[in-house]
N, C-alpha and C. Protein backbone atom coordinates (compact mmCIF):
# COMPACT_ATOMS: atom_id res chain seq x y z
N MET A 1 16.87 91.25 -14.87
CA MET A 1 17.82 90.26 -15.68
C MET A 1 18.73 89.79 -14.88
N LYS A 2 19.30 90.55 -13.81
CA LYS A 2 20.19 90.06 -12.76
C LYS A 2 19.76 88.75 -12.06
N LYS A 3 18.68 88.56 -12.00
CA LYS A 3 18.06 87.40 -11.08
C LYS A 3 18.09 86.12 -12.21
N LEU A 4 17.90 86.55 -13.31
CA LEU A 4 17.95 85.24 -14.39
C LEU A 4 19.44 84.94 -14.44
N ILE A 5 20.21 85.84 -14.61
CA ILE A 5 21.59 85.45 -14.57
C ILE A 5 22.28 84.78 -13.40
N PHE A 6 21.84 85.09 -12.37
CA PHE A 6 22.17 84.38 -11.03
C PHE A 6 21.58 83.08 -11.01
N LEU A 7 20.40 82.94 -11.43
CA LEU A 7 19.74 81.62 -11.56
C LEU A 7 20.31 80.68 -12.24
N PHE A 8 20.74 80.97 -13.56
CA PHE A 8 21.59 80.52 -14.58
C PHE A 8 22.85 80.03 -14.01
N PHE A 9 23.63 80.70 -13.42
CA PHE A 9 24.85 80.51 -12.68
C PHE A 9 24.84 79.52 -11.85
N ALA A 10 23.78 79.65 -10.73
CA ALA A 10 23.57 78.67 -9.72
C ALA A 10 23.10 77.23 -10.27
N ALA A 11 22.49 77.42 -11.27
CA ALA A 11 22.00 75.85 -11.77
C ALA A 11 23.09 75.36 -12.65
N SER A 12 23.96 76.05 -13.01
CA SER A 12 24.88 75.45 -13.99
C SER A 12 26.03 75.13 -12.84
N MET A 13 26.36 75.95 -11.78
CA MET A 13 27.18 75.27 -10.70
C MET A 13 26.90 74.07 -10.13
N LEU A 14 25.56 73.52 -9.67
CA LEU A 14 25.16 72.57 -9.20
C LEU A 14 25.14 71.47 -10.20
N ALA A 15 25.01 71.69 -11.39
CA ALA A 15 25.01 70.47 -12.36
C ALA A 15 26.26 70.03 -12.71
N CYS A 16 27.40 70.98 -12.68
CA CYS A 16 28.68 70.67 -12.86
C CYS A 16 29.54 70.33 -11.46
N GLY A 17 29.30 70.73 -10.66
CA GLY A 17 30.02 70.46 -9.37
C GLY A 17 29.47 69.28 -8.34
N ASN A 18 28.34 68.78 -8.58
CA ASN A 18 28.03 67.73 -7.95
C ASN A 18 27.84 66.24 -8.48
N SER A 19 28.86 65.68 -9.00
CA SER A 19 28.75 64.38 -9.62
C SER A 19 28.34 63.13 -8.45
N PRO A 20 27.42 62.46 -9.03
CA PRO A 20 26.72 61.42 -7.96
C PRO A 20 27.92 60.36 -7.89
N CYS A 21 28.89 60.31 -8.46
CA CYS A 21 29.84 58.97 -8.40
C CYS A 21 31.24 59.71 -8.01
N GLU A 22 31.62 59.15 -7.09
CA GLU A 22 33.08 59.19 -6.65
C GLU A 22 34.23 58.72 -7.52
N LYS A 23 35.19 59.41 -8.08
CA LYS A 23 35.96 58.76 -8.76
C LYS A 23 37.05 57.58 -8.19
N LYS A 24 36.80 56.38 -8.54
CA LYS A 24 37.83 55.53 -8.00
C LYS A 24 38.30 54.60 -9.01
N THR A 25 39.59 54.12 -8.90
CA THR A 25 40.29 53.23 -9.73
C THR A 25 40.75 51.98 -8.82
N CYS A 26 41.33 50.85 -9.55
CA CYS A 26 41.82 49.80 -8.94
C CYS A 26 42.84 50.20 -7.91
N LYS A 27 43.70 51.52 -8.04
CA LYS A 27 44.48 51.61 -7.27
C LYS A 27 44.02 52.20 -5.90
N ASP A 28 42.90 52.38 -5.82
CA ASP A 28 42.40 52.83 -4.48
C ASP A 28 42.14 51.69 -3.59
N PHE A 29 42.48 50.69 -4.07
CA PHE A 29 42.08 49.30 -3.38
C PHE A 29 43.18 48.40 -2.89
N LYS A 30 43.25 47.86 -1.98
CA LYS A 30 44.31 46.80 -1.62
C LYS A 30 44.01 45.43 -2.00
N THR A 31 42.86 45.23 -1.86
CA THR A 31 42.36 43.56 -2.48
C THR A 31 41.03 43.81 -3.45
N GLN A 32 41.18 42.69 -4.30
CA GLN A 32 39.87 42.56 -5.04
C GLN A 32 38.66 42.69 -4.47
N LYS A 33 38.59 41.96 -3.17
CA LYS A 33 37.22 41.87 -2.43
C LYS A 33 36.77 43.24 -1.87
N GLU A 34 37.74 44.29 -1.67
CA GLU A 34 37.23 45.58 -1.38
C GLU A 34 36.87 46.43 -2.53
N ALA A 35 37.48 46.17 -3.69
CA ALA A 35 37.06 46.57 -4.97
C ALA A 35 35.58 46.20 -5.43
N GLN A 36 35.49 44.78 -5.24
CA GLN A 36 34.14 44.27 -5.74
C GLN A 36 33.00 44.79 -4.90
N LYS A 37 33.31 44.87 -3.29
CA LYS A 37 32.28 45.43 -2.90
C LYS A 37 31.70 46.97 -3.12
N THR A 38 32.86 47.69 -3.35
CA THR A 38 32.54 48.98 -3.89
C THR A 38 31.75 48.96 -5.13
N TYR A 39 32.35 48.24 -6.09
CA TYR A 39 31.71 47.98 -7.45
C TYR A 39 30.09 47.72 -7.25
N GLU A 40 29.95 46.45 -6.39
CA GLU A 40 28.47 46.21 -6.30
C GLU A 40 27.46 47.12 -5.69
N SER A 41 28.26 48.18 -4.93
CA SER A 41 27.51 49.11 -4.43
C SER A 41 26.64 50.16 -5.27
N ASP A 42 27.05 50.10 -6.51
CA ASP A 42 26.75 51.06 -7.52
C ASP A 42 27.31 50.67 -8.86
N LYS A 43 26.94 49.75 -9.63
CA LYS A 43 27.59 49.38 -10.72
C LYS A 43 27.56 50.34 -11.79
N ASP A 44 26.76 51.20 -11.88
CA ASP A 44 27.04 52.29 -12.76
C ASP A 44 28.02 53.14 -12.68
N CYS A 45 28.11 53.76 -11.10
CA CYS A 45 28.86 54.75 -10.87
C CYS A 45 30.28 53.99 -11.06
N TYR A 46 30.60 52.77 -10.63
CA TYR A 46 32.06 52.23 -10.71
C TYR A 46 32.26 50.98 -11.93
N LYS A 47 31.76 51.22 -12.72
CA LYS A 47 31.73 50.21 -14.17
C LYS A 47 33.29 50.33 -14.28
N ASN A 48 33.89 51.36 -14.35
CA ASN A 48 35.32 51.49 -14.64
C ASN A 48 36.15 50.24 -13.81
N LEU A 49 35.67 49.80 -12.76
CA LEU A 49 36.51 48.79 -12.13
C LEU A 49 36.24 47.67 -12.62
N ASP A 50 35.51 47.26 -13.62
CA ASP A 50 35.30 45.96 -14.28
C ASP A 50 35.44 46.08 -15.57
N ARG A 51 36.66 46.24 -15.91
CA ARG A 51 37.03 46.65 -17.50
C ARG A 51 36.58 45.80 -18.21
N ASP A 52 36.37 44.33 -18.25
CA ASP A 52 36.09 43.32 -19.04
C ASP A 52 34.73 42.93 -19.12
N ASN A 53 33.69 43.79 -18.31
CA ASN A 53 32.44 43.63 -17.90
C ASN A 53 31.97 42.39 -17.75
N ASP A 54 32.85 41.47 -16.91
CA ASP A 54 32.46 40.16 -16.40
C ASP A 54 31.87 40.07 -15.05
N GLY A 55 31.75 41.28 -14.45
CA GLY A 55 31.06 41.16 -13.24
C GLY A 55 32.10 41.17 -11.97
N SER A 56 33.44 40.99 -12.33
CA SER A 56 34.43 41.22 -11.37
C SER A 56 35.09 42.16 -11.59
N ALA A 57 35.39 42.88 -10.36
CA ALA A 57 36.09 44.24 -10.24
C ALA A 57 37.51 44.29 -9.98
N CYS A 58 38.59 44.88 -10.69
CA CYS A 58 39.94 44.77 -10.39
C CYS A 58 40.49 43.32 -9.98
N GLU A 59 40.36 42.60 -11.15
CA GLU A 59 40.77 41.15 -10.91
C GLU A 59 42.24 41.12 -10.88
N ASP A 60 43.09 41.97 -11.41
CA ASP A 60 44.43 41.81 -10.91
C ASP A 60 45.00 42.03 -9.69
N LEU A 61 44.02 42.73 -8.76
CA LEU A 61 44.24 42.82 -7.39
C LEU A 61 44.44 41.48 -6.41
N PRO A 62 45.07 41.36 -5.41
CA PRO A 62 45.11 40.26 -4.44
C PRO A 62 43.59 39.94 -3.97
N LYS A 63 43.07 38.58 -3.94
CA LYS A 63 41.75 38.34 -3.51
C LYS A 63 41.52 38.98 -2.14
N GLU A 64 42.42 38.59 -1.24
CA GLU A 64 42.18 38.87 0.32
C GLU A 64 43.27 39.90 0.65
């Protein structure tokens, strides 16, 4: 029984603690170009950088 509890605990820690996506917001970037590069590296992870879903990340940031 102890082994089963340990395995459950270990599996739940792995599932909760290892998010494949790093949390990023537009405030983490100085330029739109930097944000765009991150967004394009994994559009599923960083979809929050493109709020209006038009393919451009953090449009309010300076271009360069």
